[in-house]
Amino acid sequence: MTITNPAQRLAVMDAGRPLRGFILTALVLYGACRLVTTAILLVVMQRQAPTGMTGGEDVPVTYFPFTALWDGQWYQTIAIDGYPDQIPRGDDGGAQQNAWAFYPLFPFAARGLMAVTGLGFPAAGSTVALLCGFGAAALMALLLRERIGDAAALVVVVLWASFPASVTLQLAYTESLAMLLLVAYLLALARERWLVAAGVAVLVGLTRPIAVPLGVVTLVALWSRWRARADRPIQTREYAAGLASLVACGVAGFLWPAIAWGATGERSAYTDTMGAWRGSGVVEPFAPWLGMSRYVFGETWGPVWLVVIPLVILAMVLGPWARGLGMQLRTWSVAYPAYLAAVLDPFTSIFRYLIPLFPLLAVMVGAGWEDRRGVTWPRLLVRAVPLLVLFILGQYYWTDILWRYIYSPTGDYPP
């Protein structure tokens, strides 16, 4: 008997393999990666001068306060004091930087842990992030194993957990929670659990502004399901559930701006607040990338790289070396960078915004071929080990150059 339903097929394949041992291996490997990151944080921490962000200029810097710098300070404010009831504005009427730029699920989860345990925010925030990271690693391994095999899935999890900006997965940042929800959503789509996906999408809308590219992935998933209707007829209930997942992405995209509007009485509260972090004072689609490319690569080469990088991503995703990932992960790997290009003012935070592009790591180690020609351990390791070394070195420099707070009269470089 041929099994065509993805959920049934995955269940049969899972039943024939030691799933529990596989997930445990993924968690152990992820834990090892976090130990490496902890060692790097402890080394760099010795060079961190005490500041208000670390607990006071007269207080020695310790580990947990060191994990709650930069945006962690905003999340701490939200966890303790909540959000302001109006948008603070300067003399010119422009919005000033304020807590409405930061989504609530992570700081409120930290607040809950603080209430239960009595921990301060730095310890609670980094603990929530650490636990969510473990959950994301387990679901990522599960999502990838049926596409690229057990060995390749584990290798990708290790590389993702060692990526230079992966330090944020155990800091008081939203990266690990966002990754947990992202992978959960992609897994729900893969198993055609449309209503589960809809529920996760709403949580995403309270965590990070990534619902729009997820909506694109959902469209592709629904289209793929519709194409298979001859072999697997679609019942009315499934049509409704699939539509619910798509609608939930739309709701998630507008949910936080709508909440900010309702709480402050200002319809543009969220967008005005986001503009306060932009050099121009407003959110400009695409335009900041040209200026930043010229700043980094020069007047001549800047625009060239601005074309080359998207072409490289497209080549990685559209080539036969990525077919094993499936349409949904390939779509995410294009839709998400396109979304970043539209809404992001590129600066030093770009490194951590690359963390959700984990499917590209499978292509980089040659594990994305549909016939799985590159998933033997020798082939995987010969490609992955050099990357792993570079990533760990990158973690050190990311932590020392971006995370460690160094006041500069010419400006700071927030991670």
Protein backbone atom coordinates (compact mmCIF):
# COMPACT_ATOMS: atom_id res chain seq x y z
CA MET A 1 0.00 0.00 0.00
CA THR A 2 1.34 3.42 -0.97
CA ILE A 3 1.11 6.08 1.70
CA THR A 4 0.67 9.56 0.21
CA ASN A 5 -0.41 11.53 3.27
CA PRO A 6 2.69 13.32 4.63
CA ALA A 7 1.60 12.96 8.24
CA GLN A 8 1.08 9.21 7.85
CA ARG A 9 4.32 8.79 5.92
CA LEU A 10 6.29 10.63 8.59
CA ALA A 11 4.63 8.58 11.32
CA VAL A 12 5.63 5.32 9.60
CA MET A 13 9.20 6.48 9.09
CA ASP A 14 9.44 7.70 12.68
CA ALA A 15 8.15 4.33 13.94
CA GLY A 16 10.99 2.56 12.15
CA ARG A 17 13.72 4.66 13.70
CA PRO A 18 14.86 5.39 17.25
CA LEU A 19 13.22 8.80 17.35
CA ARG A 20 13.78 9.29 21.05
CA GLY A 21 17.49 8.60 20.72
CA PHE A 22 17.73 10.93 17.73
CA ILE A 23 16.08 13.81 19.58
CA LEU A 24 18.24 13.16 22.65
CA THR A 25 21.36 13.28 20.48
CA ALA A 26 20.24 16.59 19.00
CA LEU A 27 19.69 18.02 22.49
CA VAL A 28 23.06 16.82 23.74
CA LEU A 29 24.82 18.34 20.73
CA TYR A 30 22.93 21.58 21.18
CA GLY A 31 23.88 21.62 24.86
CA ALA A 32 27.54 21.18 23.90
CA CYS A 33 27.26 24.18 21.59
CA ARG A 34 25.79 26.25 24.39
CA LEU A 35 28.66 25.26 26.70
CA VAL A 36 31.10 26.59 24.10
CA THR A 37 29.15 29.83 23.93
CA THR A 38 29.06 30.08 27.73
CA ALA A 39 32.85 29.74 27.83
CA ILE A 40 33.16 32.52 25.25
CA LEU A 41 30.83 34.77 27.23
CA LEU A 42 32.79 34.16 30.43
CA VAL A 43 36.09 34.99 28.71
CA VAL A 44 34.80 38.17 27.08
CA MET A 45 32.99 39.18 30.28
CA GLN A 46 36.34 39.71 31.98
CA ARG A 47 36.93 42.69 29.68
CA GLN A 48 33.49 44.24 30.19
CA ALA A 49 33.74 47.47 32.16
CA PRO A 50 30.92 47.83 34.70
CA THR A 51 28.09 50.04 33.40
CA GLY A 52 24.50 50.76 34.23
CA MET A 53 23.55 47.87 31.95
CA THR A 54 25.59 45.38 33.98
CA GLY A 55 24.18 46.37 37.35
CA GLY A 56 26.07 49.56 38.16
CA GLU A 57 29.46 51.11 37.61
CA ASP A 58 30.61 50.05 41.07
CA VAL A 59 29.34 46.47 40.81
CA PRO A 60 31.57 43.71 39.40
CA VAL A 61 30.25 42.23 36.19
CA THR A 62 28.79 38.73 36.60
CA TYR A 63 27.36 36.27 34.09
CA PHE A 64 23.61 36.87 34.21
CA PRO A 65 23.74 40.68 34.02
CA PHE A 66 26.18 40.24 31.14
CA THR A 67 23.50 38.29 29.26
CA ALA A 68 20.99 41.14 29.49
CA LEU A 69 22.72 44.01 27.70
CA TRP A 70 21.41 46.13 24.81
CA ASP A 71 17.86 45.05 23.86
CA GLY A 72 17.84 42.97 27.02
CA GLN A 73 17.52 46.24 28.92
CA TRP A 74 14.32 47.05 27.04
CA TYR A 75 12.94 43.60 27.73
CA GLN A 76 13.79 44.05 31.39
CA THR A 77 11.88 47.33 31.46
CA ILE A 78 8.87 45.65 29.83
CA ALA A 79 9.00 42.66 32.17
CA ILE A 80 9.01 44.93 35.22
CA ASP A 81 7.05 48.03 34.18
CA GLY A 82 5.11 47.04 31.07
CA TYR A 83 4.55 49.40 28.13
CA PRO A 84 3.99 53.18 28.19
CA ASP A 85 0.45 54.39 27.61
CA GLN A 86 1.61 57.01 25.13
CA ILE A 87 4.45 57.38 22.63
CA PRO A 88 7.21 59.66 23.93
CA ARG A 89 7.98 62.39 21.43
CA GLY A 90 10.67 65.03 21.04
CA ASP A 91 10.25 68.75 20.47
CA ASP A 92 9.89 68.12 16.75
CA GLY A 93 7.03 65.70 17.32
CA GLY A 94 9.04 62.70 16.23
CA ALA A 95 8.69 59.50 18.23
CA GLN A 96 11.53 58.67 20.57
CA GLN A 97 12.86 55.18 21.20
CA ASN A 98 10.48 53.31 23.50
CA ALA A 99 9.32 49.85 24.52
CA TRP A 100 6.64 49.51 21.84
CA ALA A 101 9.35 48.45 19.38
CA PHE A 102 9.74 45.18 21.30
CA TYR A 103 7.23 42.35 21.16
CA PRO A 104 5.71 41.12 24.45
CA LEU A 105 5.79 37.31 24.54
CA PHE A 106 9.43 36.96 25.58
CA PRO A 107 9.50 39.59 28.35
CA PHE A 108 6.16 38.40 29.73
CA ALA A 109 7.43 34.81 29.77
CA ALA A 110 10.44 36.06 31.72
CA ARG A 111 8.09 37.94 34.05
CA GLY A 112 6.21 34.71 34.70
CA LEU A 113 9.42 32.89 35.57
CA MET A 114 10.45 35.78 37.81
CA ALA A 115 7.14 35.53 39.67
CA VAL A 116 7.44 31.77 40.15
CA THR A 117 11.13 31.59 41.08
CA GLY A 118 11.98 35.00 42.50
CA LEU A 119 14.79 35.37 39.96
CA GLY A 120 15.78 38.76 38.64
CA PHE A 121 15.20 39.52 34.98
CA PRO A 122 18.73 38.77 33.72
CA ALA A 123 18.64 35.21 35.11
CA ALA A 124 14.99 34.65 34.15
CA GLY A 125 15.39 36.10 30.66
CA SER A 126 18.49 34.10 29.79
CA THR A 127 16.89 30.94 31.23
CA VAL A 128 13.77 31.35 29.08
CA ALA A 129 15.99 31.91 26.04
CA LEU A 130 18.13 28.87 26.84
CA LEU A 131 15.13 26.56 27.26
CA CYS A 132 13.47 27.82 24.09
CA GLY A 133 16.72 27.20 22.23
CA PHE A 134 16.69 23.55 23.28
CA GLY A 135 13.11 23.26 22.10
CA ALA A 136 13.96 24.88 18.77
CA ALA A 137 16.90 22.51 18.27
CA ALA A 138 14.72 19.44 18.89
CA LEU A 139 12.00 20.56 16.49
CA MET A 140 14.55 21.61 13.87
CA ALA A 141 16.17 18.19 14.00
CA LEU A 142 12.75 16.57 13.61
CA LEU A 143 11.81 18.88 10.72
CA LEU A 144 15.04 18.20 8.83
CA ARG A 145 15.53 14.48 9.40
CA GLU A 146 12.86 13.38 6.93
CA ARG A 147 14.24 15.73 4.31
CA ILE A 148 17.99 15.31 4.54
CA GLY A 149 18.48 12.33 6.86
CA ASP A 150 19.50 11.93 10.48
CA ALA A 151 23.21 12.66 10.11
CA ALA A 152 22.74 15.78 8.02
CA ALA A 153 19.96 17.04 10.31
CA LEU A 154 22.26 16.77 13.32
CA VAL A 155 25.08 18.51 11.47
CA VAL A 156 22.80 21.39 10.51
CA VAL A 157 21.58 21.76 14.10
CA VAL A 158 25.18 21.96 15.33
CA LEU A 159 26.15 24.54 12.71
CA TRP A 160 23.02 26.59 13.40
CA ALA A 161 23.72 26.46 17.14
CA SER A 162 27.31 27.58 16.51
CA PHE A 163 26.62 30.38 14.02
CA PRO A 164 28.46 33.59 15.10
CA ALA A 165 25.27 35.36 16.24
CA SER A 166 23.88 32.19 17.87
CA VAL A 167 25.20 33.61 21.13
CA THR A 168 21.82 35.36 21.30
CA LEU A 169 20.14 31.98 21.76
CA GLN A 170 21.11 32.12 25.43
CA LEU A 171 20.91 35.86 25.99
CA ALA A 172 17.90 37.89 27.11
CA TYR A 173 16.82 38.27 23.50
CA THR A 174 13.87 36.86 21.54
CA GLU A 175 15.91 34.87 19.02
CA SER A 176 15.46 31.45 20.61
CA LEU A 177 11.73 31.92 21.29
CA ALA A 178 11.24 33.16 17.72
CA MET A 179 13.16 30.15 16.40
CA LEU A 180 11.09 27.76 18.51
CA LEU A 181 7.87 29.18 17.08
CA LEU A 182 9.25 29.41 13.55
CA VAL A 183 10.32 25.77 13.45
CA ALA A 184 7.09 24.70 15.14
CA TYR A 185 5.13 26.51 12.45
CA LEU A 186 7.15 24.98 9.61
CA LEU A 187 6.77 21.53 11.17
CA ALA A 188 3.00 22.00 11.51
CA LEU A 189 2.80 22.94 7.83
CA ALA A 190 4.89 19.93 6.86
CA ARG A 191 2.50 17.65 8.72
CA GLU A 192 -0.54 19.54 7.40
CA ARG A 193 -1.67 20.44 10.89
CA TRP A 194 -3.27 23.63 9.68
CA LEU A 195 -5.04 24.63 12.90
CA VAL A 196 -1.88 24.03 14.94
CA ALA A 197 -0.05 26.27 12.49
CA ALA A 198 -2.73 28.93 12.93
CA GLY A 199 -2.28 28.92 16.70
CA VAL A 200 1.49 29.14 16.41
CA ALA A 201 1.17 32.00 13.92
CA VAL A 202 -0.70 34.10 16.49
CA LEU A 203 2.12 33.51 18.99
CA VAL A 204 4.64 34.51 16.32
CA GLY A 205 2.72 37.77 15.97
CA LEU A 206 3.52 38.50 19.63
CA THR A 207 7.19 37.56 19.31
CA ARG A 208 8.82 38.80 16.10
CA PRO A 209 7.57 40.54 12.92
CA ILE A 210 8.05 37.56 10.60
CA ALA A 211 4.44 36.65 9.86
CA VAL A 212 4.52 38.06 6.32
CA PRO A 213 7.17 35.65 4.95
CA LEU A 214 5.46 32.83 6.85
CA GLY A 215 2.30 33.73 4.99
CA VAL A 216 4.15 33.25 1.70
CA VAL A 217 5.31 29.81 2.86
CA THR A 218 1.74 28.98 3.85
CA LEU A 219 0.49 29.88 0.39
CA VAL A 220 3.04 27.48 -1.12
CA ALA A 221 2.05 24.73 1.34
CA LEU A 222 -1.65 25.17 0.50
CA TRP A 223 -0.92 25.19 -3.21
CA SER A 224 1.08 21.97 -2.88
CA ARG A 225 -1.79 20.39 -0.95
CA TRP A 226 -4.29 21.51 -3.60
CA ARG A 227 -2.16 19.96 -6.36
CA ALA A 228 -2.30 16.61 -4.54
CA ARG A 229 -6.08 16.64 -4.32
CA ALA A 230 -6.48 13.93 -7.00
CA ASP A 231 -4.66 11.39 -4.85
CA ARG A 232 -5.85 12.79 -1.53
CA PRO A 233 -9.22 14.51 -1.85
CA ILE A 234 -9.62 17.62 0.28
CA GLN A 235 -12.57 17.70 2.64
CA THR A 236 -14.39 20.93 3.39
CA ARG A 237 -13.04 20.88 6.93
CA GLU A 238 -9.47 20.79 5.65
CA TYR A 239 -10.13 23.67 3.26
CA ALA A 240 -11.35 25.70 6.23
CA ALA A 241 -8.37 24.72 8.40
CA GLY A 242 -5.89 25.60 5.64
CA LEU A 243 -7.56 28.96 5.15
CA ALA A 244 -7.37 29.53 8.90
CA SER A 245 -3.60 29.08 8.86
CA LEU A 246 -3.27 31.67 6.10
CA VAL A 247 -5.62 34.12 7.80
CA ALA A 248 -3.72 33.65 11.06
CA CYS A 249 -0.53 34.82 9.35
CA GLY A 250 -2.34 37.97 8.25
CA VAL A 251 -3.69 38.52 11.75
CA ALA A 252 -0.24 37.94 13.21
CA GLY A 253 1.26 40.54 10.89
CA PHE A 254 -1.08 43.26 12.16
CA LEU A 255 -1.60 42.07 15.73
CA TRP A 256 1.13 43.97 17.55
CA PRO A 257 0.69 47.26 15.66
CA ALA A 258 -3.03 46.99 16.43
CA ILE A 259 -2.35 46.40 20.12
CA ALA A 260 0.00 49.40 20.20
CA TRP A 261 -2.70 51.49 18.54
CA GLY A 262 -5.33 50.38 21.03
CA ALA A 263 -3.11 50.96 24.07
CA THR A 264 -1.81 54.40 23.07
CA GLY A 265 -4.67 55.73 20.97
CA GLU A 266 -2.24 56.44 18.12
CA ARG A 267 -2.77 54.46 14.93
CA SER A 268 0.86 54.85 13.88
CA ALA A 269 2.30 54.11 17.33
CA TYR A 270 4.25 51.06 16.23
CA THR A 271 5.55 52.36 12.90
CA ASP A 272 6.49 55.73 14.44
CA THR A 273 8.36 53.91 17.18
CA MET A 274 10.22 51.73 14.69
CA GLY A 275 11.18 54.86 12.78
CA ALA A 276 12.90 56.19 15.90
CA TRP A 277 15.59 53.52 15.40
CA ARG A 278 16.16 54.51 11.75
CA GLY A 279 18.71 57.06 10.67
CA SER A 280 16.08 58.83 8.58
CA GLY A 281 13.47 58.72 11.34
CA VAL A 282 11.04 56.76 9.16
CA VAL A 283 10.78 53.21 7.85
CA GLU A 284 11.86 53.25 4.19
CA PRO A 285 11.46 50.00 2.21
CA PHE A 286 14.65 48.84 0.45
CA ALA A 287 16.32 52.28 0.31
CA PRO A 288 18.68 51.93 3.32
CA TRP A 289 20.38 48.92 1.74
CA LEU A 290 21.89 50.97 -1.07
CA GLY A 291 23.38 53.47 1.33
CA MET A 292 24.74 50.76 3.61
CA SER A 293 26.22 48.79 0.73
CA ARG A 294 28.11 51.88 -0.42
CA TYR A 295 29.25 52.56 3.13
CA VAL A 296 30.63 49.03 3.58
CA PHE A 297 31.89 48.16 0.10
CA GLY A 298 32.43 51.56 -1.51
CA GLU A 299 30.62 53.58 -4.15
CA THR A 300 31.55 51.23 -6.98
CA TRP A 301 31.34 47.81 -5.39
CA GLY A 302 28.46 48.50 -3.03
CA PRO A 303 25.68 48.29 -5.63
CA VAL A 304 27.41 45.27 -7.20
CA TRP A 305 27.31 43.30 -3.95
CA LEU A 306 23.73 44.41 -3.47
CA VAL A 307 22.92 42.44 -6.62
CA VAL A 308 25.34 39.55 -6.11
CA ILE A 309 24.15 38.53 -2.64
CA PRO A 310 20.48 38.02 -3.60
CA LEU A 311 21.60 36.10 -6.70
CA VAL A 312 23.73 33.81 -4.53
CA ILE A 313 20.78 33.12 -2.23
CA LEU A 314 18.54 32.37 -5.21
CA ALA A 315 21.17 30.06 -6.68
CA MET A 316 21.51 28.21 -3.38
CA VAL A 317 17.75 27.74 -3.05
CA LEU A 318 16.65 27.14 -6.64
CA GLY A 319 19.37 24.71 -7.70
CA PRO A 320 19.04 20.89 -7.61
CA TRP A 321 21.33 20.88 -4.57
CA ALA A 322 18.39 22.22 -2.49
CA ARG A 323 15.51 20.07 -3.76
CA GLY A 324 15.74 17.70 -0.83
CA LEU A 325 14.67 20.51 1.49
CA GLY A 326 11.22 20.66 -0.05
CA MET A 327 9.30 23.64 -1.37
CA GLN A 328 8.36 25.06 2.01
CA LEU A 329 11.89 25.42 3.39
CA ARG A 330 13.15 26.68 0.04
CA THR A 331 10.36 29.26 -0.06
CA TRP A 332 11.20 30.41 3.46
CA SER A 333 14.85 30.81 2.45
CA VAL A 334 13.81 33.28 -0.25
CA ALA A 335 10.79 34.98 1.34
CA TYR A 336 12.52 35.81 4.61
CA PRO A 337 15.56 37.60 3.06
CA ALA A 338 13.21 39.45 0.71
CA TYR A 339 11.18 40.57 3.72
CA LEU A 340 14.34 41.73 5.51
CA ALA A 341 15.32 43.73 2.45
CA ALA A 342 11.93 45.43 2.47
CA VAL A 343 11.68 46.38 6.14
CA LEU A 344 15.15 46.29 7.69
CA ASP A 345 17.51 49.21 8.12
CA PRO A 346 20.71 47.13 7.81
CA PHE A 347 23.33 47.57 10.49
CA THR A 348 25.16 45.34 12.95
CA SER A 349 21.94 43.59 13.98
CA ILE A 350 21.84 41.93 10.55
CA PHE A 351 24.00 39.07 11.83
CA ARG A 352 21.38 37.84 14.30
CA TYR A 353 18.62 38.34 11.74
CA LEU A 354 20.35 35.64 9.68
CA ILE A 355 19.76 32.97 12.36
CA PRO A 356 16.35 31.90 10.93
CA LEU A 357 17.99 30.99 7.59
CA PHE A 358 18.98 27.56 8.89
CA PRO A 359 17.93 25.68 5.69
CA LEU A 360 20.82 27.31 3.82
CA LEU A 361 23.23 25.48 6.11
CA ALA A 362 22.02 22.19 4.64
CA VAL A 363 22.90 23.46 1.17
CA MET A 364 26.30 24.67 2.36
CA VAL A 365 27.27 21.19 3.57
CA GLY A 366 25.93 19.50 0.44
CA ALA A 367 22.98 17.85 2.21
CA GLY A 368 20.17 19.27 0.10
CA TRP A 369 20.28 16.89 -2.87
CA GLU A 370 17.03 15.01 -3.40
CA ASP A 371 18.89 11.70 -3.78
CA ARG A 372 20.80 12.42 -0.51
CA ARG A 373 24.15 11.97 -2.21
CA GLY A 374 25.89 14.27 0.24
CA VAL A 375 24.61 12.98 3.58
CA THR A 376 27.25 10.37 4.43
CA TRP A 377 29.30 11.25 7.49
CA PRO A 378 32.64 11.64 5.61
CA ARG A 379 31.14 14.06 3.09
CA LEU A 380 29.28 15.98 5.76
CA LEU A 381 32.24 16.35 8.08
CA VAL A 382 34.71 17.45 5.43
CA ARG A 383 32.43 20.41 4.71
CA ALA A 384 31.01 21.03 8.16
CA VAL A 385 34.13 20.98 10.34
CA PRO A 386 35.81 23.99 8.66
CA LEU A 387 32.51 25.87 8.88
CA LEU A 388 32.17 24.94 12.53
CA VAL A 389 35.65 26.28 13.32
CA LEU A 390 34.91 29.53 11.49
CA PHE A 391 31.56 29.86 13.24
CA ILE A 392 33.03 29.41 16.71
CA LEU A 393 35.74 31.98 15.96
CA GLY A 394 32.97 34.23 14.69
CA GLN A 395 31.10 33.78 17.97
CA TYR A 396 34.11 35.06 19.86
CA TYR A 397 34.47 38.15 17.69
CA TRP A 398 30.72 38.79 17.64
CA THR A 399 30.67 38.68 21.44
CA ASP A 400 33.76 40.78 21.91
CA ILE A 401 33.10 43.39 19.23
CA LEU A 402 29.30 43.71 19.29
CA TRP A 403 27.95 42.29 22.54
CA ARG A 404 30.54 43.70 24.95
CA TYR A 405 29.44 47.25 25.60
CA ILE A 406 32.08 49.83 24.76
CA TYR A 407 30.99 53.44 24.83
CA SER A 408 32.14 55.37 21.78
CA PRO A 409 31.52 59.07 21.12
CA THR A 410 31.03 58.20 17.44
CA GLY A 411 28.24 55.76 18.19
CA ASP A 412 27.56 52.25 19.41
CA TYR A 413 27.23 49.07 17.40
CA PRO A 414 24.30 47.18 18.92
CA PRO A 415 24.06 43.45 18.23
